[in-house]
Amino acid sequence: MAAAALRPAILRHIRLLPTTVAPLAAAAAAGQPHAQALWLTRPMSSHDAQLTRDEVVDRVLDVLKSHPKVDPSKVTPDAHFEKDLGLDSLDTVEVVMAIEEEFKLEIPDLEADKIDSMQLAIEYIVNHPMAG
């Protein structure tokens, strides 16, 4: 019973790209048993490449610029949500939720409460292993 519940949880974190599956199927059809062994040694991660810092900065900037209460011309990588952008605590919660959605991750409440600037948001995402 526990294995049945564990399988969906694991499968949510594994992503096979079509470029991975097609060569594996072709090799198996050609009778090459090594193809499966080589595929199984591949790191099992939901992300093939870690996001670069520049990608994270660009995407976080885009999230903030699209927020209705933010003047896009004031958004910089060093901006503070309250002091520079004029956001209140509810707006900050909305921004953090938008960042979670953008990077497809969940930020625990204790960590989310600490994120009050672009720098902190960027650092959190850069250091999060599952950010995509």
C-alpha atoms as a PDB file:
ATOM      1  CA  MET A   1       0.000   0.000   0.000  1.00  0.00           C
ATOM      2  CA  ALA A   2       2.804   2.430   0.863  1.00  0.00           C
ATOM      3  CA  ALA A   3       4.533   1.707  -2.436  1.00  0.00           C
ATOM      4  CA  ALA A   4       1.351   2.579  -4.301  1.00  0.00           C
ATOM      5  CA  ALA A   5       1.293   6.000  -2.624  1.00  0.00           C
ATOM      6  CA  LEU A   6       5.028   6.554  -3.109  1.00  0.00           C
ATOM      7  CA  ARG A   7       5.006   5.940  -6.871  1.00  0.00           C
ATOM      8  CA  PRO A   8       2.855   8.998  -7.813  1.00  0.00           C
ATOM      9  CA  ALA A   9       4.943  11.215  -5.529  1.00  0.00           C
ATOM     10  CA  ILE A  10       8.136  10.114  -7.260  1.00  0.00           C
ATOM     11  CA  LEU A  11       6.663  10.379 -10.734  1.00  0.00           C
ATOM     12  CA  ARG A  12       5.635  14.006 -10.093  1.00  0.00           C
ATOM     13  CA  HIS A  13       9.335  14.849  -9.775  1.00  0.00           C
ATOM     14  CA  ILE A  14      10.584  12.949 -12.815  1.00  0.00           C
ATOM     15  CA  ARG A  15      10.239  14.427 -16.249  1.00  0.00           C
ATOM     16  CA  LEU A  16      11.153  12.489 -19.390  1.00  0.00           C
ATOM     17  CA  LEU A  17      11.773  14.520 -22.470  1.00  0.00           C
ATOM     18  CA  PRO A  18      10.729  13.113 -25.869  1.00  0.00           C
ATOM     19  CA  THR A  19      14.393  13.233 -26.915  1.00  0.00           C
ATOM     20  CA  THR A  20      15.198  10.816 -24.071  1.00  0.00           C
ATOM     21  CA  VAL A  21      12.368   8.367 -24.667  1.00  0.00           C
ATOM     22  CA  ALA A  22      12.674   7.991 -28.469  1.00  0.00           C
ATOM     23  CA  PRO A  23      16.358   6.903 -28.543  1.00  0.00           C
ATOM     24  CA  LEU A  24      15.707   4.517 -25.657  1.00  0.00           C
ATOM     25  CA  ALA A  25      12.800   2.882 -27.503  1.00  0.00           C
ATOM     26  CA  ALA A  26      14.802   2.686 -30.748  1.00  0.00           C
ATOM     27  CA  ALA A  27      17.783   1.100 -28.977  1.00  0.00           C
ATOM     28  CA  ALA A  28      15.560  -1.422 -27.209  1.00  0.00           C
ATOM     29  CA  ALA A  29      13.890  -2.312 -30.515  1.00  0.00           C
ATOM     30  CA  ALA A  30      17.344  -2.845 -32.035  1.00  0.00           C
ATOM     31  CA  GLY A  31      18.154  -5.297 -29.259  1.00  0.00           C
ATOM     32  CA  GLN A  32      20.645  -3.134 -27.381  1.00  0.00           C
ATOM     33  CA  PRO A  33      20.103  -3.914 -23.698  1.00  0.00           C
ATOM     34  CA  HIS A  34      22.779  -1.390 -22.693  1.00  0.00           C
ATOM     35  CA  ALA A  35      20.525   1.508 -23.650  1.00  0.00           C
ATOM     36  CA  GLN A  36      18.307   0.980 -20.629  1.00  0.00           C
ATOM     37  CA  ALA A  37      21.290   0.627 -18.286  1.00  0.00           C
ATOM     38  CA  LEU A  38      22.771   3.891 -19.586  1.00  0.00           C
ATOM     39  CA  TRP A  39      19.460   5.686 -19.187  1.00  0.00           C
ATOM     40  CA  LEU A  40      19.098   4.451 -15.626  1.00  0.00           C
ATOM     41  CA  THR A  41      22.470   5.952 -14.662  1.00  0.00           C
ATOM     42  CA  ARG A  42      21.240   9.394 -15.685  1.00  0.00           C
ATOM     43  CA  PRO A  43      20.602  11.632 -12.644  1.00  0.00           C
ATOM     44  CA  MET A  44      16.960  11.508 -11.663  1.00  0.00           C
ATOM     45  CA  SER A  45      16.047  15.151 -11.403  1.00  0.00           C
ATOM     46  CA  SER A  46      12.969  17.040 -12.410  1.00  0.00           C
ATOM     47  CA  HIS A  47      15.248  19.658 -13.951  1.00  0.00           C
ATOM     48  CA  ASP A  48      17.983  18.911 -16.437  1.00  0.00           C
ATOM     49  CA  ALA A  49      19.764  22.207 -15.855  1.00  0.00           C
ATOM     50  CA  GLN A  50      19.886  24.606 -12.944  1.00  0.00           C
ATOM     51  CA  LEU A  51      18.621  28.079 -13.716  1.00  0.00           C
ATOM     52  CA  THR A  52      21.303  30.696 -14.127  1.00  0.00           C
ATOM     53  CA  ARG A  53      21.312  33.760 -11.907  1.00  0.00           C
ATOM     54  CA  ASP A  54      20.581  35.992 -14.938  1.00  0.00           C
ATOM     55  CA  GLU A  55      17.529  33.900 -15.864  1.00  0.00           C
ATOM     56  CA  VAL A  56      16.217  34.141 -12.310  1.00  0.00           C
ATOM     57  CA  VAL A  57      16.793  37.915 -12.181  1.00  0.00           C
ATOM     58  CA  ASP A  58      14.994  38.442 -15.504  1.00  0.00           C
ATOM     59  CA  ARG A  59      12.017  36.320 -14.520  1.00  0.00           C
ATOM     60  CA  VAL A  60      11.651  37.886 -11.052  1.00  0.00           C
ATOM     61  CA  LEU A  61      11.860  41.355 -12.630  1.00  0.00           C
ATOM     62  CA  ASP A  62       9.112  40.363 -15.096  1.00  0.00           C
ATOM     63  CA  VAL A  63       6.890  39.103 -12.254  1.00  0.00           C
ATOM     64  CA  LEU A  64       7.241  42.399 -10.386  1.00  0.00           C
ATOM     65  CA  LYS A  65       6.780  44.532 -13.490  1.00  0.00           C
ATOM     66  CA  SER A  66       3.520  42.742 -14.251  1.00  0.00           C
ATOM     67  CA  HIS A  67       2.092  43.329 -10.757  1.00  0.00           C
ATOM     68  CA  PRO A  68      -0.760  45.876 -11.064  1.00  0.00           C
ATOM     69  CA  LYS A  69       0.382  48.060  -8.142  1.00  0.00           C
ATOM     70  CA  VAL A  70       4.014  48.355  -9.281  1.00  0.00           C
ATOM     71  CA  ASP A  71       5.440  51.065 -11.509  1.00  0.00           C
ATOM     72  CA  PRO A  72       7.583  49.009 -13.947  1.00  0.00           C
ATOM     73  CA  SER A  73      10.111  51.834 -14.248  1.00  0.00           C
ATOM     74  CA  LYS A  74      10.969  51.489 -10.537  1.00  0.00           C
ATOM     75  CA  VAL A  75      11.676  47.752 -10.662  1.00  0.00           C
ATOM     76  CA  THR A  76      15.388  46.983 -10.331  1.00  0.00           C
ATOM     77  CA  PRO A  77      17.295  43.978  -8.955  1.00  0.00           C
ATOM     78  CA  ASP A  78      18.010  46.033  -5.803  1.00  0.00           C
ATOM     79  CA  ALA A  79      14.456  47.276  -5.164  1.00  0.00           C
ATOM     80  CA  HIS A  80      12.806  46.820  -1.768  1.00  0.00           C
ATOM     81  CA  PHE A  81       9.123  45.929  -2.034  1.00  0.00           C
ATOM     82  CA  GLU A  82       7.880  48.467   0.530  1.00  0.00           C
ATOM     83  CA  LYS A  83      10.474  51.253   0.434  1.00  0.00           C
ATOM     84  CA  ASP A  84      11.109  51.418  -3.315  1.00  0.00           C
ATOM     85  CA  LEU A  85       7.977  49.959  -4.877  1.00  0.00           C
ATOM     86  CA  GLY A  86       5.358  51.101  -2.343  1.00  0.00           C
ATOM     87  CA  LEU A  87       3.919  47.639  -1.705  1.00  0.00           C
ATOM     88  CA  ASP A  88       2.160  46.830   1.557  1.00  0.00           C
ATOM     89  CA  SER A  89       2.268  43.455   3.316  1.00  0.00           C
ATOM     90  CA  LEU A  90      -0.690  42.052   1.354  1.00  0.00           C
ATOM     91  CA  ASP A  91       0.910  43.111  -1.924  1.00  0.00           C
ATOM     92  CA  THR A  92       4.140  41.432  -0.835  1.00  0.00           C
ATOM     93  CA  VAL A  93       2.258  38.186  -0.184  1.00  0.00           C
ATOM     94  CA  GLU A  94       0.734  38.423  -3.675  1.00  0.00           C
ATOM     95  CA  VAL A  95       4.176  39.007  -5.197  1.00  0.00           C
ATOM     96  CA  VAL A  96       5.653  36.001  -3.392  1.00  0.00           C
ATOM     97  CA  MET A  97       2.716  33.875  -4.589  1.00  0.00           C
ATOM     98  CA  ALA A  98       3.317  35.075  -8.151  1.00  0.00           C
ATOM     99  CA  ILE A  99       7.003  34.147  -7.814  1.00  0.00           C
ATOM    100  CA  GLU A 100       6.004  30.687  -6.554  1.00  0.00           C
ATOM    101  CA  GLU A 101       3.777  30.260  -9.585  1.00  0.00           C
ATOM    102  CA  GLU A 102       6.441  31.534 -12.002  1.00  0.00           C
ATOM    103  CA  PHE A 103       9.073  29.109 -10.718  1.00  0.00           C
ATOM    104  CA  LYS A 104       6.659  26.259  -9.953  1.00  0.00           C
ATOM    105  CA  LEU A 105       7.626  25.836  -6.332  1.00  0.00           C
ATOM    106  CA  GLU A 106       6.180  26.361  -2.884  1.00  0.00           C
ATOM    107  CA  ILE A 107       7.901  28.727  -0.478  1.00  0.00           C
ATOM    108  CA  PRO A 108       7.187  27.838   3.158  1.00  0.00           C
ATOM    109  CA  ASP A 109       5.413  30.599   5.099  1.00  0.00           C
ATOM    110  CA  LEU A 110       8.382  31.189   7.413  1.00  0.00           C
ATOM    111  CA  GLU A 111      10.639  31.771   4.407  1.00  0.00           C
ATOM    112  CA  ALA A 112       8.033  33.753   2.468  1.00  0.00           C
ATOM    113  CA  ASP A 113       7.661  36.189   5.385  1.00  0.00           C
ATOM    114  CA  LYS A 114      11.355  37.053   5.084  1.00  0.00           C
ATOM    115  CA  ILE A 115      11.200  37.913   1.364  1.00  0.00           C
ATOM    116  CA  ASP A 116      10.691  41.676   1.221  1.00  0.00           C
ATOM    117  CA  SER A 117      13.047  42.708  -1.563  1.00  0.00           C
ATOM    118  CA  MET A 118      14.150  41.716  -5.029  1.00  0.00           C
ATOM    119  CA  GLN A 119      17.527  40.599  -3.691  1.00  0.00           C
ATOM    120  CA  LEU A 120      15.985  38.201  -1.181  1.00  0.00           C
ATOM    121  CA  ALA A 121      13.557  36.806  -3.762  1.00  0.00           C
ATOM    122  CA  ILE A 122      16.361  36.273  -6.275  1.00  0.00           C
ATOM    123  CA  GLU A 123      18.634  34.627  -3.683  1.00  0.00           C
ATOM    124  CA  TYR A 124      15.860  32.291  -2.554  1.00  0.00           C
ATOM    125  CA  ILE A 125      15.121  31.141  -6.116  1.00  0.00           C
ATOM    126  CA  VAL A 126      18.795  30.803  -7.105  1.00  0.00           C
ATOM    127  CA  ASN A 127      19.437  28.610  -4.064  1.00  0.00           C
ATOM    128  CA  HIS A 128      16.290  26.492  -4.403  1.00  0.00           C
ATOM    129  CA  PRO A 129      17.088  23.130  -6.047  1.00  0.00           C
ATOM    130  CA  MET A 130      13.611  22.625  -7.553  1.00  0.00           C
ATOM    131  CA  ALA A 131      13.084  26.066  -9.081  1.00  0.00           C
ATOM    132  CA  GLY A 132      12.053  25.772 -12.707  1.00  0.00           C
END
